[in-house]
Amino acid sequence: MGILDFNSADPIVNRADAIIDDESADEISFWPDQVSDAELHNRRAAEARMMTLFGSRPVVDPIKHFESERALAPLKPVTPRPFQLVPSQFMAKARRNRPREALATASGFAAWIYSLYGSAYGDADDRERGKEVEQEVLERRRRAASCNDSSFLRAMQLNWRLVHNGIQPQPEGSASYFEIEHLRVNGVPLRVSPDLVYHNVELSKVVIVEIKNSRMIVPSNLWPNVWAQLWCYSQIDIALNANTVSVVGEVWGDRWSRSYGTRRRRVAGQRIISLRASVQRDPRAASYDQFFRQLFAVYSNT
């Protein structure tokens, strides 16, 4: 088996490595409420993000410069490249490194997948960074990521409905996770809580979203652990019963706008929440499904 680059394998492909200068691509950013015209700007950003979720419209990453290995070297733009792996070698490594105590969670499975390729594209702490930032920024991240809720979609006269939001605290009495009976670890059903699950009854279609935050270089097809987690999510009942399922990996990042003016007229920069990448795949594509199904069998020792 050759190199699996996660681009050619699936009918739904990522265009991020080909659309950096595409005029049809959107830069999607959310501004703090105190900024002038923030409400209008953020509504337009929510509409553009809706097109990426339900229309596969490409996204432009506004963070194009990254720190050099040399402290005094100038910052240079970096073109994202796809994450590549050789499935046979990856599978062999997985069998040699079975987890000692596998957890019956999608995040546990994804964490094990990450351990198989280490820090080839940055460390896990950077990819999940967020605990050290202030609460206001964390709340703004949640608001931006869940902006396309059911009320917004109804206002846009769309038939999509947000049926699960794992980003926000769940209402009292509602289930915070799903159990997948046919995926078991040590006899325990796999527990999963997707970030966002959308359902369109008329189309019999489900869209499932996994959200990451990072300032490092993002591979144009994201990371294997993201797709491992989304593969687990695609096994929930509402997805299995739908005619069509799409899984979406999103990467968000924080950046600062430029300050301008001088002295008393100086306007400080603002912290902006931006969508850096949005990649869709079909979890029922044979190469995708078989690869992660085999890895899960190794993980769960079945």
C-alpha atoms as a PDB file:
ATOM      1  CA  MET A   1       0.000   0.000   0.000  1.00  0.00           C
ATOM      2  CA  GLY A   2       1.383   3.425  -0.882  1.00  0.00           C
ATOM      3  CA  ILE A   3       1.526   6.713   0.938  1.00  0.00           C
ATOM      4  CA  LEU A   4      -1.851   7.763   2.335  1.00  0.00           C
ATOM      5  CA  ASP A   5      -1.954  11.548   2.096  1.00  0.00           C
ATOM      6  CA  PHE A   6      -5.669  11.878   2.966  1.00  0.00           C
ATOM      7  CA  ASN A   7      -6.288  13.915  -0.192  1.00  0.00           C
ATOM      8  CA  SER A   8      -6.672  11.473  -3.064  1.00  0.00           C
ATOM      9  CA  ALA A   9      -8.176   8.763  -0.888  1.00  0.00           C
ATOM     10  CA  ASP A  10     -11.627  10.275  -0.404  1.00  0.00           C
ATOM     11  CA  PRO A  11     -14.316  11.718  -2.683  1.00  0.00           C
ATOM     12  CA  ILE A  12     -14.537  14.794  -0.432  1.00  0.00           C
ATOM     13  CA  VAL A  13     -11.099  16.369  -0.592  1.00  0.00           C
ATOM     14  CA  ASN A  14      -9.298  19.263   1.001  1.00  0.00           C
ATOM     15  CA  ARG A  15      -8.487  22.187  -1.305  1.00  0.00           C
ATOM     16  CA  ALA A  16      -6.514  24.172   1.265  1.00  0.00           C
ATOM     17  CA  ASP A  17      -3.166  23.561  -0.423  1.00  0.00           C
ATOM     18  CA  ALA A  18      -4.510  24.883  -3.736  1.00  0.00           C
ATOM     19  CA  ILE A  19      -6.653  27.888  -2.783  1.00  0.00           C
ATOM     20  CA  ILE A  20      -4.370  30.232  -0.865  1.00  0.00           C
ATOM     21  CA  ASP A  21      -4.844  32.903  -3.544  1.00  0.00           C
ATOM     22  CA  ASP A  22      -8.311  31.827  -4.644  1.00  0.00           C
ATOM     23  CA  GLU A  23     -10.651  34.813  -4.688  1.00  0.00           C
ATOM     24  CA  SER A  24     -13.596  32.538  -3.889  1.00  0.00           C
ATOM     25  CA  ALA A  25     -12.031  31.545  -0.562  1.00  0.00           C
ATOM     26  CA  ASP A  26     -13.112  33.261   2.648  1.00  0.00           C
ATOM     27  CA  GLU A  27     -11.128  34.682   5.529  1.00  0.00           C
ATOM     28  CA  ILE A  28     -13.390  34.027   8.503  1.00  0.00           C
ATOM     29  CA  SER A  29     -12.660  36.045  11.643  1.00  0.00           C
ATOM     30  CA  PHE A  30     -14.686  37.040  14.697  1.00  0.00           C
ATOM     31  CA  TRP A  31     -14.040  40.356  16.448  1.00  0.00           C
ATOM     32  CA  PRO A  32     -14.638  41.300  20.105  1.00  0.00           C
ATOM     33  CA  ASP A  33     -18.001  42.895  20.862  1.00  0.00           C
ATOM     34  CA  GLN A  34     -16.559  46.311  21.785  1.00  0.00           C
ATOM     35  CA  VAL A  35     -15.209  46.857  18.264  1.00  0.00           C
ATOM     36  CA  SER A  36     -17.253  49.125  16.004  1.00  0.00           C
ATOM     37  CA  ASP A  37     -19.534  47.145  13.645  1.00  0.00           C
ATOM     38  CA  ALA A  38     -18.512  43.889  15.350  1.00  0.00           C
ATOM     39  CA  GLU A  39     -22.074  42.524  15.256  1.00  0.00           C
ATOM     40  CA  LEU A  40     -22.406  43.024  11.496  1.00  0.00           C
ATOM     41  CA  HIS A  41     -18.900  41.728  10.800  1.00  0.00           C
ATOM     42  CA  ASN A  42     -19.409  38.635  12.960  1.00  0.00           C
ATOM     43  CA  ARG A  43     -22.746  37.846  11.335  1.00  0.00           C
ATOM     44  CA  ARG A  44     -21.071  37.902   7.925  1.00  0.00           C
ATOM     45  CA  ALA A  45     -18.334  35.664   9.317  1.00  0.00           C
ATOM     46  CA  ALA A  46     -20.988  33.253  10.608  1.00  0.00           C
ATOM     47  CA  GLU A  47     -22.622  33.170   7.167  1.00  0.00           C
ATOM     48  CA  ALA A  48     -19.262  32.474   5.501  1.00  0.00           C
ATOM     49  CA  ARG A  49     -18.508  29.735   8.010  1.00  0.00           C
ATOM     50  CA  MET A  50     -21.928  28.229   7.252  1.00  0.00           C
ATOM     51  CA  MET A  51     -20.844  27.920   3.612  1.00  0.00           C
ATOM     52  CA  THR A  52     -17.743  26.001   4.663  1.00  0.00           C
ATOM     53  CA  LEU A  53     -19.831  23.582   6.732  1.00  0.00           C
ATOM     54  CA  PHE A  54     -22.657  22.924   4.284  1.00  0.00           C
ATOM     55  CA  GLY A  55     -21.218  24.015   0.968  1.00  0.00           C
ATOM     56  CA  SER A  56     -17.530  23.037   1.194  1.00  0.00           C
ATOM     57  CA  ARG A  57     -16.424  26.603   0.462  1.00  0.00           C
ATOM     58  CA  PRO A  58     -12.639  26.938   0.995  1.00  0.00           C
ATOM     59  CA  VAL A  59     -11.057  28.963   3.790  1.00  0.00           C
ATOM     60  CA  VAL A  60      -7.967  31.190   3.737  1.00  0.00           C
ATOM     61  CA  ASP A  61      -5.695  30.926   6.763  1.00  0.00           C
ATOM     62  CA  PRO A  62      -5.004  34.505   7.961  1.00  0.00           C
ATOM     63  CA  ILE A  63      -2.007  33.300   9.993  1.00  0.00           C
ATOM     64  CA  LYS A  64       0.665  32.934   7.331  1.00  0.00           C
ATOM     65  CA  HIS A  65       3.877  33.665   9.236  1.00  0.00           C
ATOM     66  CA  PHE A  66       5.496  31.426  11.809  1.00  0.00           C
ATOM     67  CA  GLU A  67       8.437  31.758  14.153  1.00  0.00           C
ATOM     68  CA  SER A  68      11.771  30.765  12.650  1.00  0.00           C
ATOM     69  CA  GLU A  69      14.091  28.305  14.340  1.00  0.00           C
ATOM     70  CA  ARG A  70      16.603  31.182  14.485  1.00  0.00           C
ATOM     71  CA  ALA A  71      15.473  33.842  16.931  1.00  0.00           C
ATOM     72  CA  LEU A  72      16.666  36.807  14.829  1.00  0.00           C
ATOM     73  CA  ALA A  73      15.595  35.432  11.456  1.00  0.00           C
ATOM     74  CA  PRO A  74      12.734  37.284   9.718  1.00  0.00           C
ATOM     75  CA  LEU A  75       9.307  35.716   9.684  1.00  0.00           C
ATOM     76  CA  LYS A  76       8.502  34.065   6.387  1.00  0.00           C
ATOM     77  CA  PRO A  77       5.206  32.758   5.023  1.00  0.00           C
ATOM     78  CA  VAL A  78       4.949  28.977   4.933  1.00  0.00           C
ATOM     79  CA  THR A  79       2.790  27.078   2.456  1.00  0.00           C
ATOM     80  CA  PRO A  80       0.985  24.202   4.215  1.00  0.00           C
ATOM     81  CA  ARG A  81       1.744  20.738   2.891  1.00  0.00           C
ATOM     82  CA  PRO A  82      -0.246  17.538   3.409  1.00  0.00           C
ATOM     83  CA  PHE A  83       0.514  15.182   6.260  1.00  0.00           C
ATOM     84  CA  GLN A  84       1.736  11.962   4.663  1.00  0.00           C
ATOM     85  CA  LEU A  85       2.168   8.505   6.101  1.00  0.00           C
ATOM     86  CA  VAL A  86       2.699   4.971   4.803  1.00  0.00           C
ATOM     87  CA  PRO A  87      -0.282   2.935   6.070  1.00  0.00           C
ATOM     88  CA  SER A  88       1.584  -0.387   6.297  1.00  0.00           C
ATOM     89  CA  GLN A  89       4.381   1.189   8.359  1.00  0.00           C
ATOM     90  CA  PHE A  90       1.926   3.106  10.526  1.00  0.00           C
ATOM     91  CA  MET A  91      -0.090  -0.054  11.174  1.00  0.00           C
ATOM     92  CA  ALA A  92       3.038  -2.022  12.043  1.00  0.00           C
ATOM     93  CA  LYS A  93       4.055   0.656  14.534  1.00  0.00           C
ATOM     94  CA  ALA A  94       0.542   0.599  16.023  1.00  0.00           C
ATOM     95  CA  ARG A  95       0.755  -3.154  16.613  1.00  0.00           C
ATOM     96  CA  ARG A  96       4.130  -2.730  18.328  1.00  0.00           C
ATOM     97  CA  ASN A  97       2.757   0.009  20.569  1.00  0.00           C
ATOM     98  CA  ARG A  98      -0.621  -1.209  21.778  1.00  0.00           C
ATOM     99  CA  PRO A  99      -1.861   0.904  24.696  1.00  0.00           C
ATOM    100  CA  ARG A 100      -1.366  -0.599  28.152  1.00  0.00           C
ATOM    101  CA  GLU A 101      -4.653   0.774  29.444  1.00  0.00           C
ATOM    102  CA  ALA A 102      -6.942   1.751  26.574  1.00  0.00           C
ATOM    103  CA  LEU A 103      -9.718   4.173  27.485  1.00  0.00           C
ATOM    104  CA  ALA A 104     -13.215   3.649  26.122  1.00  0.00           C
ATOM    105  CA  THR A 105     -13.361   7.182  24.710  1.00  0.00           C
ATOM    106  CA  ALA A 106     -12.814   8.737  21.287  1.00  0.00           C
ATOM    107  CA  SER A 107     -10.303  11.158  22.803  1.00  0.00           C
ATOM    108  CA  GLY A 108      -8.347   8.239  24.258  1.00  0.00           C
ATOM    109  CA  PHE A 109      -8.189   6.573  20.841  1.00  0.00           C
ATOM    110  CA  ALA A 110      -7.123   9.853  19.180  1.00  0.00           C
ATOM    111  CA  ALA A 111      -4.437  10.447  21.825  1.00  0.00           C
ATOM    112  CA  TRP A 112      -3.001   6.993  21.132  1.00  0.00           C
ATOM    113  CA  ILE A 113      -2.977   7.718  17.382  1.00  0.00           C
ATOM    114  CA  TYR A 114      -1.083  10.941  18.077  1.00  0.00           C
ATOM    115  CA  SER A 115       1.506   9.045  20.137  1.00  0.00           C
ATOM    116  CA  LEU A 116       2.341   6.977  17.035  1.00  0.00           C
ATOM    117  CA  TYR A 117       3.679   9.942  15.075  1.00  0.00           C
ATOM    118  CA  GLY A 118       4.893  12.189  17.889  1.00  0.00           C
ATOM    119  CA  SER A 119       5.692  15.828  17.268  1.00  0.00           C
ATOM    120  CA  ALA A 120       6.251  15.686  13.516  1.00  0.00           C
ATOM    121  CA  TYR A 121       3.917  18.685  13.094  1.00  0.00           C
ATOM    122  CA  GLY A 122       4.300  20.307  16.511  1.00  0.00           C
ATOM    123  CA  ASP A 123       3.482  19.123  19.981  1.00  0.00           C
ATOM    124  CA  ALA A 124       0.064  18.203  21.329  1.00  0.00           C
ATOM    125  CA  ASP A 125       0.199  20.995  23.921  1.00  0.00           C
ATOM    126  CA  ASP A 126       0.402  23.590  21.148  1.00  0.00           C
ATOM    127  CA  ARG A 127      -2.420  21.980  19.180  1.00  0.00           C
ATOM    128  CA  GLU A 128      -4.717  21.971  22.211  1.00  0.00           C
ATOM    129  CA  ARG A 129      -3.397  25.178  23.771  1.00  0.00           C
ATOM    130  CA  GLY A 130      -6.054  27.165  25.591  1.00  0.00           C
ATOM    131  CA  LYS A 131      -6.039  26.484  29.313  1.00  0.00           C
ATOM    132  CA  GLU A 132      -3.556  29.273  29.966  1.00  0.00           C
ATOM    133  CA  VAL A 133      -5.500  32.011  28.159  1.00  0.00           C
ATOM    134  CA  GLU A 134      -8.009  34.218  29.887  1.00  0.00           C
ATOM    135  CA  GLN A 135     -11.612  33.109  30.345  1.00  0.00           C
ATOM    136  CA  GLU A 136     -12.943  35.867  28.078  1.00  0.00           C
ATOM    137  CA  VAL A 137     -10.939  34.507  25.148  1.00  0.00           C
ATOM    138  CA  LEU A 138     -12.047  30.945  25.834  1.00  0.00           C
ATOM    139  CA  GLU A 139     -15.675  32.077  25.865  1.00  0.00           C
ATOM    140  CA  ARG A 140     -15.200  33.992  22.607  1.00  0.00           C
ATOM    141  CA  ARG A 141     -13.703  30.854  21.051  1.00  0.00           C
ATOM    142  CA  ARG A 142     -16.783  28.863  22.073  1.00  0.00           C
ATOM    143  CA  ARG A 143     -19.128  31.533  20.747  1.00  0.00           C
ATOM    144  CA  ALA A 144     -17.308  31.723  17.416  1.00  0.00           C
ATOM    145  CA  ALA A 145     -17.129  27.945  17.006  1.00  0.00           C
ATOM    146  CA  SER A 146     -20.820  27.432  17.807  1.00  0.00           C
ATOM    147  CA  CYS A 147     -22.098  30.546  15.991  1.00  0.00           C
ATOM    148  CA  ASN A 148     -24.027  28.426  13.486  1.00  0.00           C
ATOM    149  CA  ASP A 149     -26.590  27.193  15.999  1.00  0.00           C
ATOM    150  CA  SER A 150     -30.177  26.166  15.280  1.00  0.00           C
ATOM    151  CA  SER A 151     -31.592  29.670  15.748  1.00  0.00           C
ATOM    152  CA  PHE A 152     -29.063  31.121  13.292  1.00  0.00           C
ATOM    153  CA  LEU A 153     -29.820  28.400  10.746  1.00  0.00           C
ATOM    154  CA  ARG A 154     -33.584  28.968  11.092  1.00  0.00           C
ATOM    155  CA  ALA A 155     -33.047  32.691  10.523  1.00  0.00           C
ATOM    156  CA  MET A 156     -31.182  31.779   7.334  1.00  0.00           C
ATOM    157  CA  GLN A 157     -34.199  29.620   6.355  1.00  0.00           C
ATOM    158  CA  LEU A 158     -32.138  26.446   6.184  1.00  0.00           C
ATOM    159  CA  ASN A 159     -33.278  22.965   7.144  1.00  0.00           C
ATOM    160  CA  TRP A 160     -30.151  22.207   9.165  1.00  0.00           C
ATOM    161  CA  ARG A 161     -30.415  21.782  12.937  1.00  0.00           C
ATOM    162  CA  LEU A 162     -27.678  21.627  15.561  1.00  0.00           C
ATOM    163  CA  VAL A 163     -28.568  18.458  17.465  1.00  0.00           C
ATOM    164  CA  HIS A 164     -25.490  18.212  19.715  1.00  0.00           C
ATOM    165  CA  ASN A 165     -23.082  20.839  21.025  1.00  0.00           C
ATOM    166  CA  GLY A 166     -20.176  19.383  22.958  1.00  0.00           C
ATOM    167  CA  ILE A 167     -18.473  22.792  23.218  1.00  0.00           C
ATOM    168  CA  GLN A 168     -20.968  24.441  25.535  1.00  0.00           C
ATOM    169  CA  PRO A 169     -22.130  23.005  28.898  1.00  0.00           C
ATOM    170  CA  GLN A 170     -25.075  20.677  28.382  1.00  0.00           C
ATOM    171  CA  PRO A 171     -28.528  21.579  29.784  1.00  0.00           C
ATOM    172  CA  GLU A 172     -29.432  19.734  32.947  1.00  0.00           C
ATOM    173  CA  GLY A 173     -30.966  16.354  32.207  1.00  0.00           C
ATOM    174  CA  SER A 174     -29.587  16.040  28.678  1.00  0.00           C
ATOM    175  CA  ALA A 175     -26.969  13.459  27.709  1.00  0.00           C
ATOM    176  CA  SER A 176     -23.466  14.909  27.392  1.00  0.00           C
ATOM    177  CA  TYR A 177     -22.148  11.986  25.337  1.00  0.00           C
ATOM    178  CA  PHE A 178     -23.143   9.109  23.060  1.00  0.00           C
ATOM    179  CA  GLU A 179     -22.372   5.429  23.613  1.00  0.00           C
ATOM    180  CA  ILE A 180     -21.410   3.302  20.618  1.00  0.00           C
ATOM    181  CA  GLU A 181     -22.388  -0.281  21.342  1.00  0.00           C
ATOM    182  CA  HIS A 182     -20.552  -1.856  18.414  1.00  0.00           C
ATOM    183  CA  LEU A 183     -17.229  -0.221  19.349  1.00  0.00           C
ATOM    184  CA  ARG A 184     -16.062  -1.619  22.687  1.00  0.00           C
ATOM    185  CA  VAL A 185     -12.903  -1.364  24.752  1.00  0.00           C
ATOM    186  CA  ASN A 186     -12.545  -4.056  27.420  1.00  0.00           C
ATOM    187  CA  GLY A 187     -16.258  -4.771  27.022  1.00  0.00           C
ATOM    188  CA  VAL A 188     -17.244  -1.128  27.606  1.00  0.00           C
ATOM    189  CA  PRO A 189     -19.073   0.797  24.834  1.00  0.00           C
ATOM    190  CA  LEU A 190     -17.061   3.673  23.393  1.00  0.00           C
ATOM    191  CA  ARG A 191     -18.165   7.051  24.784  1.00  0.00           C
ATOM    192  CA  VAL A 192     -17.989  10.047  22.449  1.00  0.00           C
ATOM    193  CA  SER A 193     -18.989  13.703  22.606  1.00  0.00           C
ATOM    194  CA  PRO A 194     -18.550  15.429  19.234  1.00  0.00           C
ATOM    195  CA  ASP A 195     -18.018  19.158  19.279  1.00  0.00           C
ATOM    196  CA  LEU A 196     -20.904  19.811  16.858  1.00  0.00           C
ATOM    197  CA  VAL A 197     -23.445  17.529  15.168  1.00  0.00           C
ATOM    198  CA  TYR A 198     -25.791  18.932  12.505  1.00  0.00           C
ATOM    199  CA  HIS A 199     -28.752  17.081  10.980  1.00  0.00           C
ATOM    200  CA  ASN A 200     -30.811  17.811   7.884  1.00  0.00           C
ATOM    201  CA  VAL A 201     -33.890  15.573   7.953  1.00  0.00           C
ATOM    202  CA  GLU A 202     -35.003  16.389   4.396  1.00  0.00           C
ATOM    203  CA  LEU A 203     -31.604  15.521   2.938  1.00  0.00           C
ATOM    204  CA  SER A 204     -31.031  12.689   5.426  1.00  0.00           C
ATOM    205  CA  LYS A 205     -27.567  14.125   5.947  1.00  0.00           C
ATOM    206  CA  VAL A 206     -25.395  14.558   9.033  1.00  0.00           C
ATOM    207  CA  VAL A 207     -22.364  16.824   9.425  1.00  0.00           C
ATOM    208  CA  ILE A 208     -20.043  16.248  12.398  1.00  0.00           C
ATOM    209  CA  VAL A 209     -17.405  18.807  13.391  1.00  0.00           C
ATOM    210  CA  GLU A 210     -14.231  18.434  15.471  1.00  0.00           C
ATOM    211  CA  ILE A 211     -12.567  21.698  16.547  1.00  0.00           C
ATOM    212  CA  LYS A 212      -8.902  22.285  17.382  1.00  0.00           C
ATOM    213  CA  ASN A 213      -7.013  25.436  18.326  1.00  0.00           C
ATOM    214  CA  SER A 214      -3.437  26.030  17.199  1.00  0.00           C
ATOM    215  CA  ARG A 215      -0.946  28.653  16.059  1.00  0.00           C
ATOM    216  CA  MET A 216       1.463  26.191  14.478  1.00  0.00           C
ATOM    217  CA  ILE A 217       1.667  25.270  10.796  1.00  0.00           C
ATOM    218  CA  VAL A 218      -1.453  23.290   9.859  1.00  0.00           C
ATOM    219  CA  PRO A 219      -1.066  20.435   7.343  1.00  0.00           C
ATOM    220  CA  SER A 220      -3.433  20.991   4.444  1.00  0.00           C
ATOM    221  CA  ASN A 221      -5.215  17.721   5.301  1.00  0.00           C
ATOM    222  CA  LEU A 222      -4.882  18.145   9.101  1.00  0.00           C
ATOM    223  CA  TRP A 223      -3.544  15.451  11.454  1.00  0.00           C
ATOM    224  CA  PRO A 224      -4.350  11.704  11.680  1.00  0.00           C
ATOM    225  CA  ASN A 225      -5.604  11.959  15.265  1.00  0.00           C
ATOM    226  CA  VAL A 226      -8.296  14.438  14.143  1.00  0.00           C
ATOM    227  CA  TRP A 227      -9.591  11.945  11.570  1.00  0.00           C
ATOM    228  CA  ALA A 228      -9.390   9.108  14.113  1.00  0.00           C
ATOM    229  CA  GLN A 229     -11.632  11.045  16.473  1.00  0.00           C
ATOM    230  CA  LEU A 230     -14.070  11.950  13.693  1.00  0.00           C
ATOM    231  CA  TRP A 231     -14.172   8.323  12.522  1.00  0.00           C
ATOM    232  CA  CYS A 232     -15.408   7.385  15.999  1.00  0.00           C
ATOM    233  CA  TYR A 233     -18.032  10.129  15.892  1.00  0.00           C
ATOM    234  CA  SER A 234     -19.293   8.906  12.521  1.00  0.00           C
ATOM    235  CA  GLN A 235     -20.360   5.657  14.220  1.00  0.00           C
ATOM    236  CA  ILE A 236     -23.108   7.240  16.356  1.00  0.00           C
ATOM    237  CA  ASP A 237     -26.664   6.160  15.534  1.00  0.00           C
ATOM    238  CA  ILE A 238     -27.838   9.416  13.948  1.00  0.00           C
ATOM    239  CA  ALA A 239     -24.920   9.233  11.505  1.00  0.00           C
ATOM    240  CA  LEU A 240     -25.317   5.526  10.754  1.00  0.00           C
ATOM    241  CA  ASN A 241     -29.002   6.077   9.952  1.00  0.00           C
ATOM    242  CA  ALA A 242     -28.351   9.007   7.584  1.00  0.00           C
ATOM    243  CA  ASN A 243     -27.991   8.592   3.829  1.00  0.00           C
ATOM    244  CA  THR A 244     -24.952  10.874   3.779  1.00  0.00           C
ATOM    245  CA  VAL A 245     -22.375  11.783   6.404  1.00  0.00           C
ATOM    246  CA  SER A 246     -19.610  14.382   6.284  1.00  0.00           C
ATOM    247  CA  VAL A 247     -17.015  14.874   8.971  1.00  0.00           C
ATOM    248  CA  VAL A 248     -15.282  18.240   9.257  1.00  0.00           C
ATOM    249  CA  GLY A 249     -11.992  19.037  10.942  1.00  0.00           C
ATOM    250  CA  GLU A 250     -11.668  22.711  11.845  1.00  0.00           C
ATOM    251  CA  VAL A 251      -8.585  24.500  13.155  1.00  0.00           C
ATOM    252  CA  TRP A 252      -9.004  27.888  14.827  1.00  0.00           C
ATOM    253  CA  GLY A 253      -6.397  30.376  15.983  1.00  0.00           C
ATOM    254  CA  ASP A 254      -6.085  33.681  17.813  1.00  0.00           C
ATOM    255  CA  ARG A 255      -4.292  36.652  16.276  1.00  0.00           C
ATOM    256  CA  TRP A 256      -3.984  40.385  16.876  1.00  0.00           C
ATOM    257  CA  SER A 257      -5.042  43.132  14.521  1.00  0.00           C
ATOM    258  CA  ARG A 258      -2.586  45.953  13.888  1.00  0.00           C
ATOM    259  CA  SER A 259      -2.661  48.972  16.167  1.00  0.00           C
ATOM    260  CA  TYR A 260      -2.690  52.396  14.533  1.00  0.00           C
ATOM    261  CA  GLY A 261      -2.439  56.059  15.409  1.00  0.00           C
ATOM    262  CA  THR A 262      -0.117  57.716  17.916  1.00  0.00           C
ATOM    263  CA  ARG A 263      -0.307  58.924  21.493  1.00  0.00           C
ATOM    264  CA  ARG A 264      -3.873  59.830  22.501  1.00  0.00           C
ATOM    265  CA  ARG A 265      -5.249  58.827  19.122  1.00  0.00           C
ATOM    266  CA  ARG A 266      -3.599  55.423  19.224  1.00  0.00           C
ATOM    267  CA  VAL A 267      -6.012  52.498  18.791  1.00  0.00           C
ATOM    268  CA  ALA A 268      -4.728  49.258  20.255  1.00  0.00           C
ATOM    269  CA  GLY A 269      -4.829  46.010  18.339  1.00  0.00           C
ATOM    270  CA  GLN A 270      -7.692  43.625  18.989  1.00  0.00           C
ATOM    271  CA  ARG A 271      -7.548  39.883  19.592  1.00  0.00           C
ATOM    272  CA  ILE A 272      -9.375  38.159  16.744  1.00  0.00           C
ATOM    273  CA  ILE A 273     -10.663  34.580  16.632  1.00  0.00           C
ATOM    274  CA  SER A 274     -10.068  33.153  13.139  1.00  0.00           C
ATOM    275  CA  LEU A 275     -10.944  29.945  11.343  1.00  0.00           C
ATOM    276  CA  ARG A 276      -7.641  28.753   9.890  1.00  0.00           C
ATOM    277  CA  ALA A 277      -8.686  25.529   8.152  1.00  0.00           C
ATOM    278  CA  SER A 278     -11.849  23.572   7.442  1.00  0.00           C
ATOM    279  CA  VAL A 279     -11.464  20.148   5.839  1.00  0.00           C
ATOM    280  CA  GLN A 280     -14.301  17.765   4.952  1.00  0.00           C
ATOM    281  CA  ARG A 281     -14.145  14.031   4.363  1.00  0.00           C
ATOM    282  CA  ASP A 282     -16.503  11.148   3.796  1.00  0.00           C
ATOM    283  CA  PRO A 283     -16.022   8.715   6.718  1.00  0.00           C
ATOM    284  CA  ARG A 284     -17.639   5.945   4.660  1.00  0.00           C
ATOM    285  CA  ALA A 285     -14.910   6.120   1.995  1.00  0.00           C
ATOM    286  CA  ALA A 286     -13.301   2.669   1.983  1.00  0.00           C
ATOM    287  CA  SER A 287      -9.704   3.831   2.530  1.00  0.00           C
ATOM    288  CA  TYR A 288     -10.694   6.060   5.442  1.00  0.00           C
ATOM    289  CA  ASP A 289     -13.047   3.599   7.145  1.00  0.00           C
ATOM    290  CA  GLN A 290     -10.829   0.533   6.785  1.00  0.00           C
ATOM    291  CA  PHE A 291      -7.679   2.310   7.979  1.00  0.00           C
ATOM    292  CA  PHE A 292      -9.162   3.582  11.231  1.00  0.00           C
ATOM    293  CA  ARG A 293     -11.307   0.508  11.790  1.00  0.00           C
ATOM    294  CA  GLN A 294      -8.128  -1.602  11.733  1.00  0.00           C
ATOM    295  CA  LEU A 295      -6.374   0.835  14.055  1.00  0.00           C
ATOM    296  CA  PHE A 296      -9.309   0.719  16.471  1.00  0.00           C
ATOM    297  CA  ALA A 297      -9.117  -3.094  16.468  1.00  0.00           C
ATOM    298  CA  VAL A 298      -5.454  -2.785  17.506  1.00  0.00           C
ATOM    299  CA  TYR A 299      -6.309  -0.135  20.128  1.00  0.00           C
ATOM    300  CA  SER A 300      -9.124  -2.182  21.661  1.00  0.00           C
ATOM    301  CA  ASN A 301      -7.238  -5.500  21.260  1.00  0.00           C
ATOM    302  CA  THR A 302     -10.138  -7.107  19.397  1.00  0.00           C
END
